[in-house]
Protein backbone atom coordinates (compact mmCIF):
# COMPACT_ATOMS: atom_id res chain seq x y z
CA MET A 1 26.47 46.51 62.58
CA GLY A 2 25.93 42.93 63.67
CA THR A 3 27.12 41.05 66.72
CA ALA A 4 28.43 37.51 67.09
CA ASP A 5 29.56 35.12 69.80
CA LEU A 6 31.99 32.71 68.17
CA HIS A 7 33.00 30.50 71.10
CA ILE A 8 30.12 28.69 72.80
CA HIS A 9 29.93 25.17 74.25
CA SER A 10 26.87 22.90 74.28
CA ILE A 11 26.27 19.60 76.07
CA TYR A 12 28.20 17.93 73.27
CA SER A 13 31.19 19.21 75.27
CA HIS A 14 31.82 17.19 78.41
CA ASP A 15 32.12 20.33 80.58
CA ALA A 16 29.13 22.31 79.31
CA THR A 17 25.55 22.35 80.56
CA THR A 18 23.27 23.76 77.86
CA THR A 19 21.40 22.16 74.99
CA VAL A 20 21.77 23.58 71.51
CA ARG A 21 18.15 24.75 71.63
CA ALA A 22 18.77 26.72 74.81
CA ILE A 23 21.91 28.29 73.34
CA LEU A 24 19.93 29.47 70.34
CA LYS A 25 17.14 30.77 72.57
CA GLN A 26 19.57 32.74 74.74
CA ALA A 27 21.44 34.06 71.70
CA SER A 28 18.18 35.30 70.23
CA ASP A 29 17.09 36.82 73.54
CA VAL A 30 20.31 38.84 73.91
CA GLY A 31 20.20 40.10 70.33
CA LEU A 32 23.02 38.24 68.63
CA ASN A 33 22.98 37.93 64.84
CA VAL A 34 25.50 35.11 64.45
CA ILE A 35 26.83 32.41 66.76
CA ALA A 36 29.19 29.47 66.58
CA VAL A 37 28.79 26.41 68.78
CA THR A 38 32.40 25.25 69.14
CA ASP A 39 32.49 22.13 71.27
CA HIS A 40 35.72 20.42 72.27
CA ASP A 41 36.82 18.15 69.39
CA GLU A 42 33.16 17.70 68.47
CA ILE A 43 31.12 19.16 65.62
CA ARG A 44 27.65 17.60 65.97
CA GLY A 45 26.35 20.39 68.21
CA SER A 46 27.32 23.07 65.72
CA LEU A 47 25.68 21.22 62.83
CA GLU A 48 22.53 20.89 64.92
CA ALA A 49 22.70 24.62 65.68
CA ARG A 50 23.02 25.49 62.00
CA GLU A 51 19.92 23.43 61.21
CA LEU A 52 17.79 24.93 64.01
CA ALA A 53 19.05 28.52 63.95
CA PRO A 54 16.59 29.94 61.36
CA LYS A 55 13.73 29.19 63.77
CA TYR A 56 15.38 31.60 66.22
CA GLY A 57 16.07 34.37 63.70
CA ILE A 58 19.86 34.00 63.84
CA GLU A 59 22.63 32.25 61.89
CA ALA A 60 24.89 29.54 63.28
CA ILE A 61 28.33 28.88 61.84
CA PRO A 62 29.55 25.27 61.93
CA GLY A 63 32.77 24.84 63.86
CA ALA A 64 34.64 23.27 66.76
CA GLU A 65 37.33 23.97 69.33
CA VAL A 66 40.12 21.70 68.16
CA THR A 67 42.88 20.41 70.41
CA THR A 68 46.18 20.86 68.61
CA LYS A 69 49.62 19.76 69.78
CA ASP A 70 50.29 23.42 70.63
CA GLY A 71 46.98 24.37 72.25
CA HIS A 72 43.34 24.95 71.42
CA LEU A 73 42.14 26.44 68.13
CA VAL A 74 38.62 27.50 67.11
CA ALA A 75 37.78 26.29 63.61
CA LEU A 76 34.91 28.08 61.85
CA PHE A 77 32.99 27.47 58.61
CA VAL A 78 33.85 23.76 58.55
CA ASP A 79 31.35 20.95 58.04
CA THR A 80 33.79 18.21 59.05
CA LEU A 81 35.66 17.95 62.34
CA PRO A 82 39.40 18.58 61.91
CA PRO A 83 41.62 15.92 63.53
CA SER A 84 42.95 16.62 67.00
CA GLY A 85 46.53 16.27 68.20
CA LEU A 86 48.29 17.70 65.15
CA PRO A 87 50.72 20.63 65.35
CA LEU A 88 49.09 24.05 65.00
CA VAL A 89 50.39 24.69 61.49
CA GLU A 90 49.17 21.32 60.20
CA THR A 91 45.76 21.87 61.80
CA LEU A 92 45.43 25.29 60.18
CA ILE A 93 46.34 23.89 56.78
CA HIS A 94 43.75 21.13 57.23
CA ILE A 95 41.08 23.69 58.18
CA GLY A 96 41.95 25.64 55.04
CA LYS A 97 41.44 22.54 52.92
CA LEU A 98 37.97 22.22 54.47
CA GLY A 99 37.20 25.79 53.39
CA GLY A 100 37.31 27.21 56.91
CA VAL A 101 39.10 29.86 58.91
CA ALA A 102 40.38 29.82 62.47
CA ILE A 103 40.64 31.93 65.62
CA ALA A 104 43.14 31.59 68.45
CA PRO A 105 41.08 31.33 71.66
CA HIS A 106 42.35 32.78 74.96
CA PRO A 107 45.98 32.92 73.72
CA PHE A 108 49.26 33.89 75.40
CA ASN A 109 48.17 33.38 79.01
CA ASN A 110 50.04 30.21 80.06
CA LEU A 111 46.74 28.51 80.95
CA PRO A 112 46.23 24.87 79.89
CA GLY A 113 45.09 24.68 76.28
CA SER A 114 46.17 28.19 75.33
CA LEU A 115 48.42 28.84 72.35
CA SER A 116 51.76 30.48 73.04
CA MET A 117 53.04 33.57 71.28
CA GLU A 118 55.77 31.45 69.69
CA ALA A 119 53.24 29.01 68.23
CA VAL A 120 51.10 31.78 66.74
CA VAL A 121 54.06 33.67 65.27
CA SER A 122 55.35 30.42 63.77
CA ALA A 123 51.97 29.87 62.12
CA LEU A 124 51.95 33.42 60.76
CA THR A 125 55.31 32.82 59.07
CA ASN A 126 53.84 29.90 57.12
CA PRO A 127 51.88 31.30 54.13
CA ARG A 128 49.36 28.43 54.04
CA ALA A 129 48.68 28.59 57.77
CA LYS A 130 48.57 32.40 57.83
CA SER A 131 45.85 32.42 55.16
CA VAL A 132 43.61 30.45 57.56
CA LEU A 133 44.39 32.02 60.97
CA LYS A 134 42.24 35.14 60.80
CA GLY A 135 41.50 36.17 64.38
CA MET A 136 42.45 35.99 68.03
CA GLU A 137 40.45 36.44 71.20
CA THR A 138 41.56 39.60 72.94
CA HIS A 139 38.71 39.18 75.41
CA ASN A 140 37.33 35.90 76.74
CA MET A 141 34.76 35.97 79.53
CA GLY A 142 36.20 32.93 81.24
CA THR A 143 39.85 34.03 81.12
CA GLN A 144 39.44 37.79 81.36
CA SER A 145 41.82 38.06 84.31
CA PHE A 146 44.56 36.65 82.05
CA ASP A 147 43.81 38.49 78.79
CA THR A 148 46.05 41.54 79.26
CA VAL A 149 49.00 40.13 77.31
CA ALA A 150 46.79 39.15 74.36
CA GLN A 151 45.26 42.63 74.29
CA LYS A 152 48.66 44.31 74.23
CA LEU A 153 50.18 42.01 71.62
CA SER A 154 47.12 42.12 69.35
CA ILE A 155 48.19 45.61 68.26
CA TYR A 156 51.19 44.10 66.50
CA LEU A 157 49.54 41.03 64.97
CA PRO A 158 47.62 40.93 61.65
CA LEU A 159 44.62 39.23 63.23
CA ALA A 160 41.03 40.32 63.71
CA LYS A 161 40.24 41.08 67.35
CA ILE A 162 37.52 38.90 68.88
CA ALA A 163 35.57 38.96 72.15
CA SER A 164 33.82 35.72 73.09
CA SER A 165 31.88 34.29 75.98
CA ASP A 166 33.44 30.81 75.92
CA ALA A 167 30.06 29.99 77.45
CA HIS A 168 29.62 26.69 79.28
CA ILE A 169 26.36 27.82 80.96
CA TYR A 170 23.38 29.30 79.17
CA TRP A 171 23.33 32.79 80.69
CA ALA A 172 26.91 33.43 79.58
CA VAL A 173 26.00 33.29 75.87
CA GLY A 174 26.66 36.75 74.45
CA ALA A 175 28.65 37.87 77.52
CA GLY A 176 31.57 38.76 75.29
CA ARG A 177 30.67 39.42 71.68
CA THR A 178 32.20 40.69 68.44
CA GLU A 179 30.78 43.54 66.38
CA PHE A 180 31.15 43.46 62.61
CA PRO A 181 29.88 45.38 59.55
CA GLY A 182 26.69 43.73 58.28
CA GLU A 183 24.48 41.14 59.94
CA THR A 184 25.07 37.77 58.27
CA ALA A 185 27.58 34.97 58.67
CA ALA A 186 28.98 35.88 55.26
CA ASP A 187 29.43 39.48 56.46
CA LEU A 188 31.21 38.19 59.55
CA ARG A 189 33.60 36.10 57.50
CA ALA A 190 34.38 39.12 55.32
CA ALA A 191 35.08 41.16 58.47
CA LEU A 192 37.49 38.48 59.71
CA GLU A 193 39.26 38.51 56.35
CA LYS A 194 39.50 42.32 56.35
CA ASN A 195 40.34 42.65 60.06
CA THR A 196 37.38 44.96 60.70
CA THR A 197 35.85 43.31 63.77
CA VAL A 198 35.45 45.12 67.08
CA PRO A 199 35.59 43.19 70.39
CA ILE A 200 32.82 44.03 72.88
CA PRO A 201 34.05 42.50 76.16
CA TYR A 202 32.15 41.33 79.18
CA HIS A 203 32.21 44.31 81.54
CA GLU A 204 31.55 42.52 84.83
CA GLU A 205 34.00 40.51 86.86
CA PHE A 206 33.90 36.75 86.33
CA SER A 207 33.04 36.21 89.96
CA ALA A 208 32.97 33.28 92.36
CA ARG A 209 29.21 33.31 91.88
CA ALA A 210 29.67 32.52 88.20
CA ILE A 211 32.05 29.67 89.00
CA LEU A 212 29.61 28.25 91.56
CA SER A 213 26.83 28.48 88.98
CA TRP A 214 28.91 26.44 86.54
CA VAL A 215 29.80 23.85 89.22
CA ARG A 216 26.14 23.50 90.18
CA ARG A 217 25.03 23.01 86.59
CA VAL A 218 27.82 20.55 85.81
CA THR A 219 26.71 18.54 88.83
CA LEU A 220 23.11 18.61 87.61
CA ARG A 221 24.27 17.42 84.21
CA ARG A 222 25.85 14.36 85.79
CA PHE A 223 22.39 13.50 87.13
CA GLY A 224 20.88 13.91 83.67
CA TYR A 225 19.71 17.53 83.82
CA ALA A 226 20.60 20.44 81.55
CA SER A 227 19.46 23.95 80.67
CA ASP A 228 16.97 23.48 77.85
CA SER A 229 14.22 25.23 75.94
CA VAL A 230 11.80 23.19 73.90
CA SER A 231 11.12 25.97 71.37
CA ALA A 232 11.98 29.54 70.40
CA THR A 233 8.98 30.78 72.41
CA GLN A 234 9.55 28.82 75.62
CA PRO A 235 11.79 30.00 78.50
CA ILE A 236 15.04 28.26 79.38
CA ASN A 237 14.65 25.88 82.34
CA THR A 238 16.59 23.09 84.01
CA GLN A 239 15.04 19.96 82.55
CA LYS A 240 15.53 16.22 82.83
CA LEU A 241 16.96 14.85 79.62
CA THR A 242 15.75 11.62 78.10
CA GLU A 243 18.16 8.69 78.08
CA SER A 244 18.16 8.67 74.27
CA PHE A 245 19.09 12.36 74.26
CA ILE A 246 21.93 11.75 76.71
CA GLN A 247 23.27 8.87 74.63
CA ARG A 248 23.09 10.97 71.48
CA THR A 249 25.28 13.69 72.95
CA LYS A 250 27.98 11.34 74.19
CA LYS A 251 31.20 11.46 72.20
CA LYS A 252 31.41 8.74 69.60
CA LYS A 253 34.35 6.39 69.99
CA ILE A 254 36.54 5.88 66.95
CA ILE A 255 37.36 2.21 66.48
CA ASP A 256 40.48 1.39 64.46
CA LYS A 257 40.02 -1.44 62.04
């Protein structure tokens, strides 16, 4: 059996504090087989992770956390960023055209960015959208105090059950993972299709200490620092980023012509 963390944020997300290299290092250190860097409406981090992952002995699935009109959606196995701001059903159909699948992150909890039960059920009644929506997070490290409804309703929904870290700081990678038959990204996709995944939740309370750790690291990021590891053999440390690196990770503006 393999393990995956399919909801991780890198410094390509405005609210995350870890370089792609450090994510891969931590994922390798905690024994994950597959990961997905899923930044907010941004895909460059996940493409970078896919390129570097073999050096760390793991696989990285390209993807993103897409903002839909109805809430957030994790797109997986896509090489191109799906557009943001569309209704959930339209976003799912677009992801399908790209050859991907999708997971509902932290659903049914009334938190900002979370999909409602009505939105998910509506998507499942649309054949084209249903063929793409393959999983839902029943356990999310960051929202675990609000996951009870999703866990109860997951029994009645035809969706693979997923546990994710939703990591925005390096040590959270793998704190919430999904077990699946096999070890590869292809095996994981097959498990999503067959609904044979097993969520392995984070067993400790998401404490005030964790929140303070995130606040501290977000503050450091604003001063140009991030958790980084220069290679698969080097430890993760807080390091000053070069100006060119910082500029590279800033979101590109789309200019209408």
